[in-house]
């Protein structure tokens, strides 16, 4: 969604953490680079924009997601149903100090080209 000429982005936690993707009944190991209530950034691999995947993250309910963008070796998946803030906050706390989570600066919102 565009607000004031900027893409409105949910705050994200920069955290490298394992996950599994299930695409067309095939499960594959992967990892996330960041997570927000709206989705995750992962290695792009063979994903294509529009692919649907079931995202499995230990300690969370599995969620359906759609690949919304792919750039170089990264891809962004949007959850079909956003993750409740409480669930994301509790999950990040449970990761403990070995998972260094930090809030990514969202003031770098991308501008829409006119």
N, C-alpha and C. Protein backbone atom coordinates (compact mmCIF):
# COMPACT_ATOMS: atom_id res chain seq x y z
N UNK A 1 0.84 -1.17 0.00
CA UNK A 1 0.00 0.00 0.00
C UNK A 1 0.89 1.23 0.00
N UNK A 2 0.53 2.20 -0.82
CA UNK A 2 1.31 3.43 -0.94
C UNK A 2 0.65 4.52 -0.09
N UNK A 3 1.46 5.15 0.76
CA UNK A 3 0.98 6.24 1.61
C UNK A 3 1.95 7.39 1.46
N UNK A 4 1.47 8.55 1.02
CA UNK A 4 2.33 9.72 0.88
C UNK A 4 3.51 9.50 -0.04
N UNK A 5 3.32 8.72 -1.11
CA UNK A 5 4.41 8.48 -2.05
C UNK A 5 5.42 7.44 -1.59
N UNK A 6 5.17 6.80 -0.44
CA UNK A 6 6.06 5.77 0.08
C UNK A 6 5.32 4.45 0.18
N UNK A 7 6.06 3.36 0.06
CA UNK A 7 5.48 2.05 0.28
C UNK A 7 5.37 1.87 1.79
N UNK A 8 4.15 1.60 2.26
CA UNK A 8 3.90 1.41 3.68
C UNK A 8 4.40 0.02 4.08
N UNK A 9 5.44 -0.05 4.89
CA UNK A 9 6.04 -1.32 5.27
C UNK A 9 5.86 -1.57 6.76
N UNK A 10 5.58 -2.81 7.09
CA UNK A 10 5.47 -3.21 8.49
C UNK A 10 6.88 -3.25 9.09
N UNK A 11 7.01 -2.88 10.37
CA UNK A 11 8.32 -3.01 11.03
C UNK A 11 8.78 -4.47 10.97
N UNK A 12 10.07 -4.69 10.75
CA UNK A 12 10.59 -6.05 10.65
C UNK A 12 11.70 -6.30 11.66
N UNK A 13 11.82 -7.56 12.02
CA UNK A 13 12.91 -8.00 12.88
C UNK A 13 13.96 -8.65 11.98
N UNK A 14 15.18 -8.13 12.04
CA UNK A 14 16.29 -8.74 11.30
C UNK A 14 16.76 -9.92 12.13
N UNK A 15 16.47 -11.13 11.64
CA UNK A 15 16.84 -12.33 12.39
C UNK A 15 17.05 -13.47 11.39
N UNK A 16 18.21 -14.06 11.42
CA UNK A 16 18.48 -15.21 10.55
C UNK A 16 18.05 -16.44 11.32
N UNK A 17 17.08 -17.17 10.77
CA UNK A 17 16.49 -18.29 11.50
C UNK A 17 16.00 -19.33 10.49
N UNK A 18 16.14 -20.62 10.82
CA UNK A 18 15.69 -21.65 9.89
C UNK A 18 14.16 -21.69 9.77
N UNK A 19 13.70 -22.13 8.61
CA UNK A 19 12.28 -22.38 8.38
C UNK A 19 12.17 -23.42 7.30
N UNK A 20 10.96 -23.90 7.08
CA UNK A 20 10.70 -24.82 5.98
C UNK A 20 9.59 -24.25 5.12
N UNK A 21 9.72 -24.46 3.82
CA UNK A 21 8.68 -24.07 2.87
C UNK A 21 8.06 -25.34 2.31
N UNK A 22 6.76 -25.30 2.12
CA UNK A 22 6.07 -26.40 1.47
C UNK A 22 5.40 -25.84 0.23
N UNK A 23 5.88 -26.29 -0.93
CA UNK A 23 5.35 -25.83 -2.21
C UNK A 23 4.96 -27.07 -3.01
N UNK A 24 3.72 -27.11 -3.44
CA UNK A 24 3.20 -28.25 -4.22
C UNK A 24 3.51 -29.57 -3.52
N UNK A 25 3.22 -29.62 -2.22
CA UNK A 25 3.39 -30.82 -1.37
C UNK A 25 4.84 -31.26 -1.24
N UNK A 26 5.78 -30.40 -1.61
CA UNK A 26 7.22 -30.69 -1.45
C UNK A 26 7.77 -29.77 -0.39
N UNK A 27 8.40 -30.32 0.65
CA UNK A 27 8.97 -29.53 1.74
C UNK A 27 10.45 -29.33 1.51
N UNK A 28 10.90 -28.10 1.78
CA UNK A 28 12.34 -27.82 1.62
C UNK A 28 12.81 -26.91 2.75
N UNK A 29 14.03 -27.16 3.21
CA UNK A 29 14.63 -26.34 4.26
C UNK A 29 15.08 -25.01 3.67
N UNK A 30 14.93 -23.97 4.45
CA UNK A 30 15.38 -22.64 4.04
C UNK A 30 15.70 -21.86 5.31
N UNK A 31 15.80 -20.55 5.18
CA UNK A 31 16.02 -19.68 6.34
C UNK A 31 15.41 -18.33 6.03
N UNK A 32 15.17 -17.58 7.09
CA UNK A 32 14.69 -16.22 6.91
C UNK A 32 15.81 -15.25 7.24
N UNK A 33 15.76 -14.08 6.63
CA UNK A 33 16.68 -12.99 6.95
C UNK A 33 15.99 -11.95 7.81
N UNK A 34 14.68 -11.82 7.62
CA UNK A 34 13.89 -10.96 8.50
C UNK A 34 12.44 -11.41 8.46
N UNK A 35 11.69 -10.94 9.46
CA UNK A 35 10.28 -11.30 9.57
C UNK A 35 9.51 -10.08 10.06
N UNK A 36 8.27 -9.97 9.59
CA UNK A 36 7.36 -8.93 10.06
C UNK A 36 5.99 -9.57 10.20
N UNK A 37 5.03 -8.79 10.62
CA UNK A 37 3.68 -9.31 10.71
C UNK A 37 3.16 -9.69 9.34
N UNK A 38 3.69 -9.07 8.30
CA UNK A 38 3.18 -9.30 6.94
C UNK A 38 3.93 -10.36 6.16
N UNK A 39 5.15 -10.74 6.57
CA UNK A 39 5.86 -11.75 5.80
C UNK A 39 7.31 -11.94 6.21
N UNK A 40 8.05 -12.65 5.34
CA UNK A 40 9.45 -12.98 5.59
C UNK A 40 10.28 -12.74 4.33
N UNK A 41 11.57 -12.45 4.56
CA UNK A 41 12.54 -12.37 3.46
C UNK A 41 13.40 -13.61 3.55
N UNK A 42 13.54 -14.32 2.42
CA UNK A 42 14.27 -15.58 2.39
C UNK A 42 15.18 -15.63 1.16
N UNK A 43 16.07 -16.65 1.08
CA UNK A 43 16.83 -16.84 -0.15
C UNK A 43 15.86 -17.15 -1.30
N UNK A 44 16.10 -16.58 -2.46
CA UNK A 44 15.17 -16.73 -3.58
C UNK A 44 15.16 -18.14 -4.16
N UNK A 45 16.34 -18.76 -4.26
CA UNK A 45 16.40 -20.10 -4.84
C UNK A 45 15.66 -20.16 -6.16
N UNK A 46 14.78 -21.14 -6.31
CA UNK A 46 14.03 -21.33 -7.56
C UNK A 46 12.63 -20.73 -7.48
N UNK A 47 12.36 -19.93 -6.45
CA UNK A 47 11.03 -19.33 -6.30
C UNK A 47 10.75 -18.34 -7.42
N UNK A 48 9.48 -18.21 -7.76
CA UNK A 48 9.03 -17.23 -8.75
C UNK A 48 7.94 -16.37 -8.13
N UNK A 49 7.86 -15.12 -8.56
CA UNK A 49 6.81 -14.23 -8.09
C UNK A 49 5.46 -14.90 -8.38
N UNK A 50 4.61 -14.92 -7.37
CA UNK A 50 3.30 -15.55 -7.51
C UNK A 50 3.22 -16.95 -6.93
N UNK A 51 4.37 -17.59 -6.68
CA UNK A 51 4.36 -18.92 -6.06
C UNK A 51 3.68 -18.83 -4.71
N UNK A 52 2.93 -19.88 -4.37
CA UNK A 52 2.31 -19.99 -3.05
C UNK A 52 3.08 -21.02 -2.25
N UNK A 53 3.27 -20.73 -0.97
CA UNK A 53 4.02 -21.64 -0.10
C UNK A 53 3.41 -21.66 1.29
N UNK A 54 3.49 -22.81 1.92
CA UNK A 54 3.14 -22.92 3.33
C UNK A 54 4.46 -22.75 4.08
N UNK A 55 4.52 -21.77 4.97
CA UNK A 55 5.74 -21.44 5.70
C UNK A 55 5.66 -22.06 7.09
N UNK A 56 6.66 -22.90 7.42
CA UNK A 56 6.73 -23.56 8.72
C UNK A 56 7.92 -22.97 9.49
N UNK A 57 7.62 -22.32 10.62
CA UNK A 57 8.65 -21.76 11.50
C UNK A 57 8.42 -22.37 12.87
N UNK A 58 9.45 -23.01 13.42
CA UNK A 58 9.30 -23.62 14.75
C UNK A 58 8.78 -22.61 15.75
N UNK A 59 7.77 -23.02 16.52
CA UNK A 59 7.21 -22.16 17.55
C UNK A 59 6.08 -21.27 17.08
N UNK A 60 5.72 -21.36 15.79
CA UNK A 60 4.61 -20.57 15.24
C UNK A 60 3.68 -21.50 14.48
N UNK A 61 2.44 -21.04 14.30
CA UNK A 61 1.53 -21.76 13.43
C UNK A 61 2.02 -21.61 11.99
N UNK A 62 1.89 -22.66 11.21
CA UNK A 62 2.25 -22.57 9.80
C UNK A 62 1.32 -21.58 9.12
N UNK A 63 1.86 -20.85 8.13
CA UNK A 63 1.10 -19.82 7.44
C UNK A 63 1.29 -19.91 5.94
N UNK A 64 0.19 -19.69 5.23
CA UNK A 64 0.26 -19.59 3.77
C UNK A 64 0.86 -18.23 3.40
N UNK A 65 1.68 -18.23 2.36
CA UNK A 65 2.31 -16.99 1.89
C UNK A 65 2.43 -17.03 0.37
N UNK A 66 2.59 -15.85 -0.20
CA UNK A 66 2.75 -15.71 -1.65
C UNK A 66 4.03 -14.93 -1.91
N UNK A 67 4.83 -15.41 -2.86
CA UNK A 67 6.06 -14.69 -3.24
C UNK A 67 5.63 -13.42 -3.95
N UNK A 68 5.95 -12.26 -3.36
CA UNK A 68 5.54 -10.96 -3.92
C UNK A 68 6.65 -10.28 -4.70
N UNK A 69 7.91 -10.59 -4.34
CA UNK A 69 9.02 -9.98 -5.08
C UNK A 69 10.23 -10.90 -5.03
N UNK A 70 11.10 -10.71 -6.01
CA UNK A 70 12.36 -11.44 -6.08
C UNK A 70 13.39 -10.46 -6.62
N UNK A 71 14.52 -10.35 -5.93
CA UNK A 71 15.59 -9.44 -6.34
C UNK A 71 16.92 -10.11 -6.04
N UNK A 72 17.66 -10.42 -7.08
CA UNK A 72 18.94 -11.10 -6.88
C UNK A 72 18.72 -12.43 -6.19
N UNK A 73 19.40 -12.63 -5.06
CA UNK A 73 19.29 -13.91 -4.36
C UNK A 73 18.30 -13.87 -3.19
N UNK A 74 17.42 -12.86 -3.16
CA UNK A 74 16.44 -12.73 -2.07
C UNK A 74 15.02 -12.69 -2.64
N UNK A 75 14.07 -13.13 -1.81
CA UNK A 75 12.66 -13.09 -2.19
C UNK A 75 11.85 -12.68 -0.97
N UNK A 76 10.75 -11.99 -1.23
CA UNK A 76 9.85 -11.57 -0.16
C UNK A 76 8.53 -12.31 -0.26
N UNK A 77 8.15 -12.97 0.83
CA UNK A 77 6.88 -13.68 0.90
C UNK A 77 5.94 -12.91 1.80
N UNK A 78 4.72 -12.68 1.33
CA UNK A 78 3.69 -12.03 2.13
C UNK A 78 2.76 -13.10 2.67
N UNK A 79 2.51 -13.04 3.99
CA UNK A 79 1.55 -13.96 4.59
C UNK A 79 0.16 -13.63 4.08
N UNK A 80 -0.63 -14.65 3.78
CA UNK A 80 -2.01 -14.44 3.35
C UNK A 80 -2.80 -13.81 4.50
N UNK A 81 -2.58 -14.29 5.72
CA UNK A 81 -3.15 -13.69 6.93
C UNK A 81 -2.00 -13.13 7.75
N UNK A 82 -1.99 -11.83 8.02
CA UNK A 82 -0.89 -11.26 8.81
C UNK A 82 -0.73 -11.94 10.16
N UNK A 83 0.50 -11.96 10.62
CA UNK A 83 0.85 -12.54 11.90
C UNK A 83 0.45 -11.57 13.01
N UNK A 84 -0.32 -12.01 14.01
CA UNK A 84 -0.66 -11.10 15.10
C UNK A 84 0.60 -10.59 15.81
N UNK A 85 0.61 -9.32 16.17
CA UNK A 85 1.78 -8.72 16.81
C UNK A 85 2.20 -9.51 18.04
N UNK A 86 1.23 -9.90 18.88
CA UNK A 86 1.55 -10.65 20.11
C UNK A 86 2.30 -11.94 19.80
N UNK A 87 1.87 -12.65 18.76
CA UNK A 87 2.52 -13.91 18.40
C UNK A 87 3.95 -13.67 17.94
N UNK A 88 4.16 -12.64 17.12
CA UNK A 88 5.51 -12.32 16.66
C UNK A 88 6.40 -11.89 17.83
N UNK A 89 5.88 -11.05 18.72
CA UNK A 89 6.66 -10.58 19.88
C UNK A 89 7.04 -11.74 20.79
N UNK A 90 6.08 -12.60 21.11
CA UNK A 90 6.37 -13.74 21.99
C UNK A 90 7.37 -14.68 21.35
N UNK A 91 7.23 -14.94 20.06
CA UNK A 91 8.17 -15.81 19.36
C UNK A 91 9.59 -15.25 19.41
N UNK A 92 9.73 -13.94 19.16
CA UNK A 92 11.07 -13.35 19.14
C UNK A 92 11.72 -13.41 20.52
N UNK A 93 10.94 -13.24 21.57
CA UNK A 93 11.46 -13.34 22.94
C UNK A 93 11.94 -14.76 23.22
N UNK A 94 11.18 -15.75 22.78
CA UNK A 94 11.54 -17.16 23.01
C UNK A 94 12.83 -17.55 22.30
N UNK A 95 13.26 -16.81 21.29
CA UNK A 95 14.46 -17.17 20.55
C UNK A 95 15.71 -16.99 21.39
N UNK A 96 15.64 -16.17 22.44
CA UNK A 96 16.76 -15.99 23.35
C UNK A 96 17.90 -15.21 22.73
N UNK A 97 18.98 -15.04 23.49
CA UNK A 97 20.10 -14.20 23.06
C UNK A 97 20.89 -14.77 21.88
N UNK A 98 20.80 -16.10 21.63
CA UNK A 98 21.56 -16.65 20.50
C UNK A 98 21.02 -16.18 19.16
N UNK A 99 19.77 -15.75 19.13
CA UNK A 99 19.19 -15.18 17.92
C UNK A 99 19.13 -13.68 18.11
N UNK A 100 20.03 -12.99 17.47
CA UNK A 100 20.11 -11.53 17.62
C UNK A 100 19.04 -10.87 16.77
N UNK A 101 17.95 -10.51 17.41
CA UNK A 101 16.87 -9.82 16.70
C UNK A 101 17.00 -8.34 16.92
N UNK A 102 16.86 -7.57 15.85
CA UNK A 102 16.89 -6.12 15.98
C UNK A 102 15.84 -5.55 15.03
N UNK A 103 15.24 -4.47 15.45
CA UNK A 103 14.24 -3.84 14.62
C UNK A 103 14.95 -3.14 13.47
N UNK A 104 14.53 -3.48 12.25
CA UNK A 104 15.12 -2.87 11.06
C UNK A 104 14.56 -1.45 10.92
N UNK A 105 15.42 -0.52 10.58
CA UNK A 105 15.00 0.87 10.39
C UNK A 105 14.10 0.97 9.17
N UNK A 106 12.84 1.27 9.41
CA UNK A 106 11.88 1.35 8.30
C UNK A 106 11.75 2.76 7.76
N UNK A 107 12.59 3.68 8.22
CA UNK A 107 12.54 5.04 7.69
C UNK A 107 13.12 5.10 6.29
N UNK A 108 13.72 3.99 5.85
CA UNK A 108 14.28 3.92 4.51
C UNK A 108 13.24 3.47 3.50
N UNK A 109 11.96 3.79 3.74
CA UNK A 109 10.89 3.37 2.85
C UNK A 109 11.24 3.70 1.41
N UNK A 110 10.93 2.76 0.53
CA UNK A 110 11.20 2.98 -0.89
C UNK A 110 10.22 4.00 -1.45
N UNK A 111 10.70 4.86 -2.27
CA UNK A 111 9.85 5.86 -2.93
C UNK A 111 9.31 5.27 -4.23
N UNK A 112 8.11 5.65 -4.56
CA UNK A 112 7.51 5.23 -5.82
C UNK A 112 7.99 6.17 -6.92
N UNK A 113 8.50 5.60 -7.99
CA UNK A 113 8.97 6.42 -9.12
C UNK A 113 7.77 7.08 -9.79
N UNK A 114 7.92 8.36 -10.12
CA UNK A 114 6.81 9.03 -10.80
C UNK A 114 7.02 9.08 -12.29
